[in-house]
Amino acid sequence: MIQWRKSSRSEGSVNGACVELAGLSGVVGVRDSKNPDAGHLTLPRETFAALVAHAKDARP
C-alpha cells in the first residue's frame, strides 16, 4: 500500500490546487489530490529535488 501525504503548501489554496507525494524505493510519486484515481508521476529522487529547486528559484 502506497502512503500518500498532502503537501503542506496545499493548505488554503485559492483554487484547490493540491499535490500529494509518496516516497517509494528510490523514487517520489506525485499526484493530484483532487483526482487521485487519474494516476501519478514517478520521478527519481534526484529529478524531484531538481524540480523543487527550480520551482523555488522561479518564484516571483
C-alpha atoms as a PDB file:
ATOM      1  CA  MET A   1       0.000   0.000   0.000  1.00  0.00           C
ATOM      2  CA  ILE A   2       1.417   3.378  -1.013  1.00  0.00           C
ATOM      3  CA  GLN A   3       1.250   6.016   1.730  1.00  0.00           C
ATOM      4  CA  TRP A   4       0.369   9.397   0.144  1.00  0.00           C
ATOM      5  CA  ARG A   5       0.667  12.693   2.007  1.00  0.00           C
ATOM      6  CA  LYS A   6      -0.654  16.089   1.028  1.00  0.00           C
ATOM      7  CA  SER A   7       1.743  18.967   0.568  1.00  0.00           C
ATOM      8  CA  SER A   8       1.710  21.435   3.448  1.00  0.00           C
ATOM      9  CA  ARG A   9       1.745  24.182   0.784  1.00  0.00           C
ATOM     10  CA  SER A  10      -1.656  22.989  -0.433  1.00  0.00           C
ATOM     11  CA  GLU A  11      -3.500  24.260   2.619  1.00  0.00           C
ATOM     12  CA  GLY A  12      -5.510  27.392   1.967  1.00  0.00           C
ATOM     13  CA  SER A  13      -5.109  27.166  -1.781  1.00  0.00           C
ATOM     14  CA  VAL A  14      -7.488  29.559  -3.532  1.00  0.00           C
ATOM     15  CA  ASN A  15      -8.319  27.271  -6.452  1.00  0.00           C
ATOM     16  CA  GLY A  16      -7.965  23.965  -4.629  1.00  0.00           C
ATOM     17  CA  ALA A  17      -4.664  23.154  -6.354  1.00  0.00           C
ATOM     18  CA  CYS A  18      -3.094  20.395  -4.282  1.00  0.00           C
ATOM     19  CA  VAL A  19      -0.479  17.732  -4.722  1.00  0.00           C
ATOM     20  CA  GLU A  20       0.231  14.576  -2.791  1.00  0.00           C
ATOM     21  CA  LEU A  21       3.617  12.898  -2.520  1.00  0.00           C
ATOM     22  CA  ALA A  22       4.663   9.337  -1.784  1.00  0.00           C
ATOM     23  CA  GLY A  23       8.195   8.228  -1.014  1.00  0.00           C
ATOM     24  CA  LEU A  24       8.844   4.954  -2.784  1.00  0.00           C
ATOM     25  CA  SER A  25      12.018   2.926  -3.201  1.00  0.00           C
ATOM     26  CA  GLY A  26      14.396   5.416  -4.841  1.00  0.00           C
ATOM     27  CA  VAL A  27      11.609   7.473  -6.404  1.00  0.00           C
ATOM     28  CA  VAL A  28       8.932  10.028  -5.494  1.00  0.00           C
ATOM     29  CA  GLY A  29       5.311   9.658  -6.555  1.00  0.00           C
ATOM     30  CA  VAL A  30       3.370  12.862  -7.317  1.00  0.00           C
ATOM     31  CA  ARG A  31      -0.396  13.036  -7.882  1.00  0.00           C
ATOM     32  CA  ASP A  32      -3.306  15.482  -7.915  1.00  0.00           C
ATOM     33  CA  SER A  33      -5.130  15.154  -4.592  1.00  0.00           C
ATOM     34  CA  LYS A  34      -8.411  16.259  -6.195  1.00  0.00           C
ATOM     35  CA  ASN A  35      -8.256  13.346  -8.651  1.00  0.00           C
ATOM     36  CA  PRO A  36      -6.125  10.566  -7.124  1.00  0.00           C
ATOM     37  CA  ASP A  37      -7.535   7.882  -9.434  1.00  0.00           C
ATOM     38  CA  ALA A  38      -6.184   9.685 -12.517  1.00  0.00           C
ATOM     39  CA  GLY A  39      -2.716   8.243 -11.899  1.00  0.00           C
ATOM     40  CA  HIS A  40       0.569   9.694 -10.765  1.00  0.00           C
ATOM     41  CA  LEU A  41       4.027  10.666 -11.930  1.00  0.00           C
ATOM     42  CA  THR A  42       7.030   8.734 -10.684  1.00  0.00           C
ATOM     43  CA  LEU A  43      10.293  10.665 -10.588  1.00  0.00           C
ATOM     44  CA  PRO A  44      13.780   9.653  -9.433  1.00  0.00           C
ATOM     45  CA  ARG A  45      14.552  11.414  -6.149  1.00  0.00           C
ATOM     46  CA  GLU A  46      17.299  13.491  -7.796  1.00  0.00           C
ATOM     47  CA  THR A  47      14.912  14.678 -10.521  1.00  0.00           C
ATOM     48  CA  PHE A  48      12.244  15.568  -7.960  1.00  0.00           C
ATOM     49  CA  ALA A  49      14.803  17.532  -5.920  1.00  0.00           C
ATOM     50  CA  ALA A  50      15.845  19.433  -9.068  1.00  0.00           C
ATOM     51  CA  LEU A  51      12.182  20.168  -9.859  1.00  0.00           C
ATOM     52  CA  VAL A  52      11.583  21.571  -6.371  1.00  0.00           C
ATOM     53  CA  ALA A  53      14.768  23.667  -6.539  1.00  0.00           C
ATOM     54  CA  HIS A  54      13.755  25.046  -9.940  1.00  0.00           C
ATOM     55  CA  ALA A  55      10.252  25.898  -8.678  1.00  0.00           C
ATOM     56  CA  LYS A  56      11.736  27.735  -5.683  1.00  0.00           C
ATOM     57  CA  ASP A  57      14.116  29.711  -7.927  1.00  0.00           C
ATOM     58  CA  ALA A  58      11.269  30.659 -10.283  1.00  0.00           C
ATOM     59  CA  ARG A  59       9.092  32.176  -7.556  1.00  0.00           C
ATOM     60  CA  PRO A  60       8.283  35.867  -8.038  1.00  0.00           C
END
